[in-house]
N, C-alpha and C. Protein backbone atom coordinates (compact mmCIF):
# COMPACT_ATOMS: atom_id res chain seq x y z
N MET A 1 0.84 -1.17 0.00
CA MET A 1 0.00 0.00 0.00
C MET A 1 0.89 1.24 0.00
N THR A 2 0.71 2.11 -0.96
CA THR A 2 1.52 3.33 -1.08
C THR A 2 0.68 4.56 -0.75
N PHE A 3 1.27 5.44 0.04
CA PHE A 3 0.61 6.70 0.34
C PHE A 3 1.05 7.75 -0.65
N GLN A 4 0.11 8.50 -1.11
CA GLN A 4 0.43 9.65 -1.94
C GLN A 4 0.23 10.90 -1.11
N SER A 5 0.92 11.95 -1.52
CA SER A 5 0.83 13.19 -0.74
C SER A 5 -0.59 13.73 -0.70
N GLN A 6 -1.39 13.45 -1.72
CA GLN A 6 -2.77 13.92 -1.73
C GLN A 6 -3.59 13.28 -0.62
N GLN A 7 -3.24 12.06 -0.24
CA GLN A 7 -3.96 11.38 0.83
C GLN A 7 -3.62 11.98 2.19
N LEU A 8 -2.41 12.52 2.34
CA LEU A 8 -1.99 13.09 3.62
C LEU A 8 -2.39 14.55 3.79
N LEU A 9 -2.70 15.23 2.70
CA LEU A 9 -3.00 16.66 2.76
C LEU A 9 -4.14 17.01 3.72
N PRO A 10 -5.26 16.29 3.70
CA PRO A 10 -6.34 16.65 4.65
C PRO A 10 -5.92 16.55 6.11
N TYR A 11 -4.90 15.73 6.41
CA TYR A 11 -4.44 15.59 7.79
C TYR A 11 -3.30 16.55 8.10
N ALA A 12 -2.47 16.82 7.13
CA ALA A 12 -1.31 17.68 7.34
C ALA A 12 -1.68 19.16 7.44
N MET A 13 -2.64 19.61 6.65
CA MET A 13 -2.97 21.03 6.65
C MET A 13 -3.51 21.52 7.99
N PRO A 14 -4.43 20.82 8.65
CA PRO A 14 -4.88 21.31 9.96
C PRO A 14 -3.74 21.36 10.98
N VAL A 15 -2.83 20.40 10.92
CA VAL A 15 -1.69 20.41 11.84
C VAL A 15 -0.80 21.61 11.54
N PHE A 16 -0.54 21.88 10.28
CA PHE A 16 0.26 23.02 9.87
C PHE A 16 -0.39 24.33 10.30
N ILE A 17 -1.69 24.47 10.09
CA ILE A 17 -2.41 25.69 10.47
C ILE A 17 -2.38 25.87 11.99
N ALA A 18 -2.56 24.79 12.75
CA ALA A 18 -2.50 24.88 14.20
C ALA A 18 -1.11 25.32 14.67
N TRP A 19 -0.08 24.79 14.05
CA TRP A 19 1.28 25.17 14.39
C TRP A 19 1.52 26.65 14.10
N MET A 20 1.03 27.14 12.96
CA MET A 20 1.19 28.55 12.60
C MET A 20 0.44 29.45 13.60
N PHE A 21 -0.73 29.03 14.01
CA PHE A 21 -1.48 29.82 15.00
C PHE A 21 -0.75 29.83 16.34
N TYR A 22 -0.20 28.70 16.73
CA TYR A 22 0.56 28.65 17.98
C TYR A 22 1.72 29.64 17.94
N ARG A 23 2.45 29.66 16.82
CA ARG A 23 3.58 30.59 16.69
C ARG A 23 3.10 32.03 16.73
N ARG A 24 2.00 32.32 16.07
CA ARG A 24 1.48 33.69 16.04
C ARG A 24 1.04 34.13 17.44
N VAL A 25 0.33 33.28 18.15
CA VAL A 25 -0.14 33.62 19.48
C VAL A 25 1.04 33.78 20.44
N ARG A 26 2.03 32.91 20.32
CA ARG A 26 3.20 32.98 21.20
C ARG A 26 3.95 34.29 21.04
N ARG A 27 3.98 34.85 19.82
CA ARG A 27 4.67 36.12 19.58
C ARG A 27 3.93 37.32 20.16
N ASN A 28 2.71 37.14 20.64
CA ASN A 28 1.93 38.25 21.18
C ASN A 28 2.13 38.46 22.67
N PHE A 29 2.80 37.56 23.35
CA PHE A 29 2.88 37.63 24.80
C PHE A 29 4.31 37.56 25.29
N GLY A 30 4.60 38.41 26.27
CA GLY A 30 5.89 38.37 26.95
C GLY A 30 7.03 38.94 26.12
N PRO A 31 8.20 39.01 26.75
CA PRO A 31 9.37 39.55 26.06
C PRO A 31 9.80 38.66 24.89
N GLN A 32 10.10 39.31 23.78
CA GLN A 32 10.53 38.61 22.57
C GLN A 32 11.95 39.06 22.24
N ALA A 33 12.83 38.13 22.03
CA ALA A 33 14.21 38.49 21.64
C ALA A 33 14.18 39.08 20.23
N TRP A 34 14.91 40.17 20.06
CA TRP A 34 15.00 40.83 18.75
C TRP A 34 15.88 39.98 17.84
N GLN A 35 15.33 39.57 16.70
CA GLN A 35 16.06 38.78 15.72
C GLN A 35 16.02 39.52 14.39
N PRO A 36 17.03 40.37 14.14
CA PRO A 36 16.98 41.23 12.95
C PRO A 36 16.87 40.47 11.64
N LYS A 37 17.60 39.38 11.49
CA LYS A 37 17.54 38.63 10.22
C LYS A 37 16.13 38.12 9.95
N ARG A 38 15.49 37.61 10.98
CA ARG A 38 14.12 37.10 10.83
C ARG A 38 13.16 38.24 10.49
N THR A 39 13.36 39.39 11.13
CA THR A 39 12.48 40.53 10.88
C THR A 39 12.65 41.05 9.46
N TYR A 40 13.89 41.15 8.99
CA TYR A 40 14.13 41.61 7.62
C TYR A 40 13.57 40.61 6.61
N PHE A 41 13.73 39.32 6.89
CA PHE A 41 13.17 38.29 5.99
C PHE A 41 11.65 38.39 5.96
N ARG A 42 11.03 38.54 7.13
CA ARG A 42 9.57 38.68 7.20
C ARG A 42 9.11 39.92 6.44
N LEU A 43 9.86 41.00 6.58
CA LEU A 43 9.52 42.25 5.89
C LEU A 43 9.60 42.08 4.38
N ALA A 44 10.63 41.39 3.90
CA ALA A 44 10.76 41.15 2.46
C ALA A 44 9.63 40.27 1.95
N LEU A 45 9.32 39.22 2.68
CA LEU A 45 8.25 38.31 2.28
C LEU A 45 6.89 39.01 2.28
N ILE A 46 6.62 39.79 3.30
CA ILE A 46 5.35 40.50 3.37
C ILE A 46 5.26 41.56 2.27
N SER A 47 6.38 42.14 1.89
CA SER A 47 6.37 43.11 0.79
C SER A 47 5.95 42.45 -0.52
N VAL A 48 6.44 41.25 -0.76
CA VAL A 48 6.04 40.51 -1.96
C VAL A 48 4.55 40.18 -1.91
N VAL A 49 4.08 39.74 -0.76
CA VAL A 49 2.66 39.42 -0.59
C VAL A 49 1.81 40.68 -0.78
N THR A 50 2.32 41.82 -0.33
CA THR A 50 1.60 43.09 -0.50
C THR A 50 1.40 43.41 -1.97
N VAL A 51 2.43 43.21 -2.77
CA VAL A 51 2.32 43.46 -4.22
C VAL A 51 1.28 42.51 -4.83
N MET A 52 1.31 41.25 -4.44
CA MET A 52 0.34 40.29 -4.97
C MET A 52 -1.08 40.65 -4.54
N LEU A 53 -1.25 41.10 -3.31
CA LEU A 53 -2.57 41.49 -2.83
C LEU A 53 -3.07 42.74 -3.56
N ALA A 54 -2.16 43.67 -3.86
CA ALA A 54 -2.55 44.87 -4.62
C ALA A 54 -3.01 44.48 -6.02
N LEU A 55 -2.33 43.53 -6.64
CA LEU A 55 -2.76 43.04 -7.95
C LEU A 55 -4.12 42.37 -7.86
N ALA A 56 -4.34 41.62 -6.79
CA ALA A 56 -5.63 40.95 -6.61
C ALA A 56 -6.74 41.99 -6.46
N ALA A 57 -6.44 43.10 -5.80
CA ALA A 57 -7.46 44.15 -5.63
C ALA A 57 -7.90 44.71 -6.97
N VAL A 58 -7.01 44.68 -7.94
CA VAL A 58 -7.35 45.20 -9.28
C VAL A 58 -8.25 44.21 -10.03
N PHE A 59 -7.99 42.91 -9.86
CA PHE A 59 -8.68 41.92 -10.67
C PHE A 59 -9.91 41.29 -10.03
N VAL A 60 -10.05 41.38 -8.72
CA VAL A 60 -11.23 40.80 -8.05
C VAL A 60 -12.32 41.86 -8.01
N PRO A 61 -13.49 41.54 -8.54
CA PRO A 61 -14.57 42.53 -8.56
C PRO A 61 -14.95 43.00 -7.15
N HIS A 62 -15.14 44.28 -7.00
CA HIS A 62 -15.61 44.91 -5.75
C HIS A 62 -14.66 44.74 -4.58
N ALA A 63 -13.38 44.45 -4.82
CA ALA A 63 -12.45 44.21 -3.72
C ALA A 63 -11.61 45.43 -3.37
N ALA A 64 -11.47 46.37 -4.27
CA ALA A 64 -10.55 47.49 -4.05
C ALA A 64 -10.93 48.32 -2.83
N LEU A 65 -12.19 48.70 -2.69
CA LEU A 65 -12.59 49.55 -1.57
C LEU A 65 -12.47 48.83 -0.22
N PRO A 66 -12.98 47.60 -0.07
CA PRO A 66 -12.79 46.91 1.22
C PRO A 66 -11.31 46.67 1.55
N MET A 67 -10.51 46.40 0.51
CA MET A 67 -9.09 46.19 0.78
C MET A 67 -8.39 47.49 1.16
N ALA A 68 -8.81 48.61 0.59
CA ALA A 68 -8.26 49.90 0.98
C ALA A 68 -8.62 50.20 2.44
N GLY A 69 -9.85 49.87 2.83
CA GLY A 69 -10.25 50.02 4.22
C GLY A 69 -9.44 49.13 5.14
N GLY A 70 -9.20 47.89 4.71
CA GLY A 70 -8.37 46.97 5.48
C GLY A 70 -6.94 47.48 5.61
N LEU A 71 -6.44 48.04 4.52
CA LEU A 71 -5.09 48.62 4.54
C LEU A 71 -5.01 49.74 5.56
N ALA A 72 -5.98 50.64 5.54
CA ALA A 72 -6.00 51.77 6.48
C ALA A 72 -6.12 51.27 7.93
N ALA A 73 -6.98 50.30 8.16
CA ALA A 73 -7.15 49.75 9.51
C ALA A 73 -5.86 49.10 10.00
N GLY A 74 -5.17 48.38 9.10
CA GLY A 74 -3.90 47.75 9.47
C GLY A 74 -2.82 48.76 9.80
N VAL A 75 -2.78 49.87 9.06
CA VAL A 75 -1.80 50.92 9.35
C VAL A 75 -2.07 51.52 10.73
N VAL A 76 -3.33 51.79 11.04
CA VAL A 76 -3.68 52.35 12.35
C VAL A 76 -3.34 51.36 13.46
N LEU A 77 -3.69 50.07 13.27
CA LEU A 77 -3.38 49.06 14.28
C LEU A 77 -1.87 48.88 14.44
N GLY A 78 -1.12 48.93 13.34
CA GLY A 78 0.33 48.84 13.42
C GLY A 78 0.92 49.99 14.21
N TRP A 79 0.42 51.20 13.97
CA TRP A 79 0.89 52.37 14.69
C TRP A 79 0.54 52.25 16.19
N LEU A 80 -0.69 51.82 16.49
CA LEU A 80 -1.08 51.62 17.89
C LEU A 80 -0.23 50.53 18.55
N GLY A 81 0.01 49.46 17.81
CA GLY A 81 0.84 48.39 18.34
C GLY A 81 2.24 48.87 18.69
N LEU A 82 2.81 49.70 17.83
CA LEU A 82 4.14 50.25 18.10
C LEU A 82 4.13 51.18 19.30
N ARG A 83 3.08 51.97 19.43
CA ARG A 83 2.99 52.90 20.56
C ARG A 83 2.93 52.14 21.89
N HIS A 84 2.42 50.92 21.87
CA HIS A 84 2.28 50.13 23.09
C HIS A 84 3.27 48.98 23.18
N THR A 85 4.32 49.04 22.38
CA THR A 85 5.38 48.04 22.43
C THR A 85 6.56 48.63 23.19
N HIS A 86 7.06 47.89 24.14
CA HIS A 86 8.20 48.35 24.94
C HIS A 86 9.46 47.64 24.46
N ALA A 87 10.50 48.41 24.17
CA ALA A 87 11.79 47.84 23.75
C ALA A 87 12.81 48.11 24.84
N GLU A 88 13.63 47.12 25.14
CA GLU A 88 14.62 47.26 26.20
C GLU A 88 15.71 46.21 26.05
N TRP A 89 16.77 46.42 26.81
CA TRP A 89 17.84 45.42 26.90
C TRP A 89 17.54 44.53 28.09
N ARG A 90 17.63 43.21 27.88
CA ARG A 90 17.48 42.23 28.98
C ARG A 90 18.61 41.24 28.87
N ASP A 91 19.41 41.19 29.89
CA ASP A 91 20.53 40.25 29.94
C ASP A 91 21.41 40.34 28.70
N GLY A 92 21.66 41.56 28.23
CA GLY A 92 22.52 41.77 27.08
C GLY A 92 21.88 41.49 25.73
N VAL A 93 20.57 41.29 25.72
CA VAL A 93 19.85 40.99 24.47
C VAL A 93 18.78 42.06 24.27
N ARG A 94 18.70 42.58 23.05
CA ARG A 94 17.62 43.52 22.75
C ARG A 94 16.31 42.74 22.70
N THR A 95 15.33 43.21 23.43
CA THR A 95 14.03 42.55 23.47
C THR A 95 12.92 43.59 23.30
N TYR A 96 11.77 43.09 22.95
CA TYR A 96 10.58 43.95 22.88
C TYR A 96 9.41 43.18 23.46
N ILE A 97 8.48 43.93 24.00
CA ILE A 97 7.28 43.34 24.58
C ILE A 97 6.09 43.89 23.80
N PRO A 98 5.49 43.07 22.93
CA PRO A 98 4.37 43.56 22.12
C PRO A 98 3.09 43.69 22.94
N ASN A 99 2.17 44.47 22.41
CA ASN A 99 0.88 44.63 23.05
C ASN A 99 0.04 43.38 22.75
N PRO A 100 -0.34 42.61 23.77
CA PRO A 100 -1.06 41.36 23.51
C PRO A 100 -2.48 41.58 23.00
N TRP A 101 -3.09 42.72 23.31
CA TRP A 101 -4.47 42.95 22.91
C TRP A 101 -4.60 43.13 21.40
N ILE A 102 -3.71 43.89 20.81
CA ILE A 102 -3.78 44.12 19.37
C ILE A 102 -3.44 42.84 18.62
N GLY A 103 -2.38 42.16 19.04
CA GLY A 103 -2.02 40.89 18.41
C GLY A 103 -3.12 39.85 18.57
N GLY A 104 -3.73 39.82 19.76
CA GLY A 104 -4.83 38.89 19.99
C GLY A 104 -6.04 39.19 19.12
N LEU A 105 -6.35 40.47 18.97
CA LEU A 105 -7.47 40.89 18.11
C LEU A 105 -7.25 40.44 16.67
N LEU A 106 -6.05 40.66 16.16
CA LEU A 106 -5.76 40.25 14.78
C LEU A 106 -5.79 38.73 14.62
N THR A 107 -5.28 38.03 15.61
CA THR A 107 -5.31 36.57 15.55
C THR A 107 -6.74 36.05 15.58
N LEU A 108 -7.59 36.65 16.42
CA LEU A 108 -9.00 36.25 16.47
C LEU A 108 -9.72 36.54 15.16
N ALA A 109 -9.41 37.67 14.53
CA ALA A 109 -10.03 37.99 13.24
C ALA A 109 -9.66 36.95 12.19
N LEU A 110 -8.39 36.59 12.15
CA LEU A 110 -7.94 35.58 11.20
C LEU A 110 -8.55 34.22 11.50
N ALA A 111 -8.52 33.83 12.76
CA ALA A 111 -9.08 32.52 13.14
C ALA A 111 -10.58 32.48 12.86
N GLY A 112 -11.28 33.54 13.20
CA GLY A 112 -12.72 33.59 12.96
C GLY A 112 -13.05 33.45 11.48
N ARG A 113 -12.29 34.14 10.65
CA ARG A 113 -12.55 34.06 9.20
C ARG A 113 -12.24 32.67 8.67
N LEU A 114 -11.14 32.07 9.12
CA LEU A 114 -10.82 30.70 8.67
C LEU A 114 -11.89 29.71 9.11
N ILE A 115 -12.32 29.82 10.34
CA ILE A 115 -13.36 28.92 10.84
C ILE A 115 -14.65 29.10 10.04
N TRP A 116 -15.01 30.35 9.76
CA TRP A 116 -16.20 30.63 8.98
C TRP A 116 -16.09 29.99 7.60
N ARG A 117 -14.95 30.15 6.94
CA ARG A 117 -14.77 29.59 5.59
C ARG A 117 -14.86 28.05 5.61
N PHE A 118 -14.24 27.43 6.61
CA PHE A 118 -14.25 25.97 6.67
C PHE A 118 -15.64 25.44 7.01
N THR A 119 -16.38 26.13 7.87
CA THR A 119 -17.71 25.64 8.23
C THR A 119 -18.75 25.91 7.15
N GLN A 120 -18.47 26.83 6.26
CA GLN A 120 -19.40 27.14 5.17
C GLN A 120 -19.03 26.44 3.87
N GLY A 121 -18.18 25.44 3.96
CA GLY A 121 -17.85 24.64 2.78
C GLY A 121 -16.75 25.21 1.91
N GLY A 122 -16.03 26.19 2.39
CA GLY A 122 -14.95 26.77 1.58
C GLY A 122 -13.59 26.29 2.01
N GLY A 123 -13.52 25.14 2.61
CA GLY A 123 -12.25 24.64 3.15
C GLY A 123 -11.31 24.12 2.09
N MET A 124 -10.79 22.95 2.30
CA MET A 124 -9.76 22.36 1.45
C MET A 124 -10.36 21.49 0.35
N THR A 125 -11.45 21.89 -0.22
CA THR A 125 -12.11 21.05 -1.22
C THR A 125 -11.40 21.08 -2.56
N GLY A 126 -10.60 22.10 -2.80
CA GLY A 126 -9.89 22.20 -4.06
C GLY A 126 -10.74 22.83 -5.16
N ALA A 127 -12.01 23.10 -4.88
CA ALA A 127 -12.86 23.73 -5.88
C ALA A 127 -12.47 25.19 -6.06
N GLN A 128 -12.51 25.65 -7.28
CA GLN A 128 -12.19 27.04 -7.56
C GLN A 128 -13.37 27.91 -7.18
N GLN A 129 -13.14 28.84 -6.29
CA GLN A 129 -14.20 29.74 -5.85
C GLN A 129 -13.74 31.17 -6.11
N GLN A 130 -14.69 32.07 -6.21
CA GLN A 130 -14.36 33.49 -6.29
C GLN A 130 -13.78 33.90 -4.94
N PRO A 131 -12.64 34.60 -4.91
CA PRO A 131 -12.08 35.02 -3.63
C PRO A 131 -13.07 35.89 -2.86
N SER A 132 -13.14 35.69 -1.57
CA SER A 132 -14.05 36.45 -0.72
C SER A 132 -13.47 37.85 -0.49
N VAL A 133 -14.30 38.85 -0.67
CA VAL A 133 -13.88 40.23 -0.44
C VAL A 133 -13.56 40.45 1.04
N LEU A 134 -14.33 39.83 1.92
CA LEU A 134 -14.06 39.96 3.36
C LEU A 134 -12.72 39.33 3.72
N THR A 135 -12.43 38.17 3.16
CA THR A 135 -11.14 37.53 3.42
C THR A 135 -10.00 38.40 2.92
N MET A 136 -10.18 39.00 1.76
CA MET A 136 -9.13 39.85 1.22
C MET A 136 -8.96 41.11 2.06
N ALA A 137 -10.04 41.65 2.60
CA ALA A 137 -9.95 42.83 3.47
C ALA A 137 -9.21 42.49 4.76
N ILE A 138 -9.51 41.32 5.33
CA ILE A 138 -8.81 40.89 6.54
C ILE A 138 -7.34 40.66 6.24
N ALA A 139 -7.04 40.09 5.08
CA ALA A 139 -5.64 39.91 4.68
C ALA A 139 -4.94 41.27 4.55
N ALA A 140 -5.64 42.25 4.02
CA ALA A 140 -5.06 43.59 3.89
C ALA A 140 -4.76 44.18 5.27
N VAL A 141 -5.64 43.96 6.24
CA VAL A 141 -5.39 44.44 7.60
C VAL A 141 -4.13 43.78 8.16
N LEU A 142 -4.07 42.45 8.06
CA LEU A 142 -2.93 41.73 8.62
C LEU A 142 -1.62 42.11 7.94
N ILE A 143 -1.65 42.25 6.64
CA ILE A 143 -0.42 42.56 5.91
C ILE A 143 0.05 43.98 6.19
N SER A 144 -0.87 44.94 6.16
CA SER A 144 -0.44 46.33 6.42
C SER A 144 -0.01 46.50 7.88
N TYR A 145 -0.67 45.81 8.80
CA TYR A 145 -0.23 45.84 10.20
C TYR A 145 1.19 45.31 10.31
N THR A 146 1.46 44.17 9.68
CA THR A 146 2.78 43.56 9.76
C THR A 146 3.85 44.46 9.16
N LEU A 147 3.56 45.09 8.02
CA LEU A 147 4.51 46.01 7.41
C LEU A 147 4.83 47.17 8.34
N VAL A 148 3.80 47.85 8.83
CA VAL A 148 4.01 49.01 9.69
C VAL A 148 4.72 48.61 10.98
N TYR A 149 4.28 47.51 11.58
CA TYR A 149 4.85 47.08 12.85
C TYR A 149 6.32 46.70 12.69
N ASN A 150 6.64 45.92 11.66
CA ASN A 150 8.03 45.49 11.48
C ASN A 150 8.95 46.65 11.14
N ILE A 151 8.50 47.57 10.30
CA ILE A 151 9.32 48.75 9.98
C ILE A 151 9.54 49.57 11.25
N GLY A 152 8.48 49.80 12.02
CA GLY A 152 8.61 50.54 13.27
C GLY A 152 9.49 49.84 14.28
N LEU A 153 9.42 48.52 14.32
CA LEU A 153 10.25 47.75 15.25
C LEU A 153 11.72 47.87 14.88
N ILE A 154 12.01 47.86 13.59
CA ILE A 154 13.40 48.04 13.14
C ILE A 154 13.91 49.40 13.60
N VAL A 155 13.12 50.44 13.41
CA VAL A 155 13.52 51.78 13.83
C VAL A 155 13.72 51.83 15.34
N ARG A 156 12.79 51.25 16.09
CA ARG A 156 12.87 51.26 17.55
C ARG A 156 14.11 50.54 18.04
N MET A 157 14.44 49.42 17.43
CA MET A 157 15.62 48.67 17.86
C MET A 157 16.92 49.40 17.50
N ARG A 158 16.92 50.11 16.38
CA ARG A 158 18.10 50.92 16.05
C ARG A 158 18.30 52.02 17.08
N GLU A 159 17.20 52.59 17.57
CA GLU A 159 17.29 53.63 18.59
C GLU A 159 17.88 53.09 19.89
N LEU A 160 17.65 51.79 20.18
CA LEU A 160 18.23 51.19 21.38
C LEU A 160 19.74 51.08 21.27
N GLY A 161 20.26 50.97 20.07
CA GLY A 161 21.70 50.84 19.87
C GLY A 161 22.11 49.40 19.73
N GLU A 162 23.36 49.22 19.32
CA GLU A 162 23.89 47.88 19.08
C GLU A 162 24.37 47.18 20.34
N HIS A 163 24.71 47.97 21.35
CA HIS A 163 25.27 47.39 22.58
C HIS A 163 24.48 47.91 23.79
N PRO A 164 24.37 47.09 24.82
CA PRO A 164 23.64 47.54 26.01
C PRO A 164 24.33 48.73 26.66
N PRO A 165 23.56 49.59 27.30
CA PRO A 165 24.18 50.73 27.98
C PRO A 165 25.07 50.27 29.13
N ALA A 166 26.12 51.02 29.35
CA ALA A 166 27.05 50.66 30.43
C ALA A 166 26.36 50.83 31.77
N ALA A 167 26.60 49.87 32.65
CA ALA A 167 25.93 49.90 33.96
C ALA A 167 26.55 50.83 34.94
């Protein structure tokens, strides 16, 4: 009996999604070590996704206005998140403490939309469907938040300096 990857996909995807949610939720709480390479990589990847989302806004009917609203909401949330993020040196390591409420709100929005899509038959069926305007608006919020937050975090960490202050 041979397994094909198509047979494992229905089991692997929920595990992968759960793992991604765990990582996202974990980044919302407590001190986080500053990892510049990871942040720059995330920023580059999100920039590419932003371009693809902007192209989708052009080609998906009635998506431009909700996505523009999502973009604006994400920028505001990113700015608020930065205002409530504390950056400091801990044990010789640059760290930041994100605001758990804003991160939690965004995670709940994403989880709620995914649950809604899966319960309404839009899950992993493989059927081609028209992209949901609401899903694209939520994606615009998440992407613009991530762009603003990561750029602001880079600036904030540069302000802390490369070395801890002398005691």
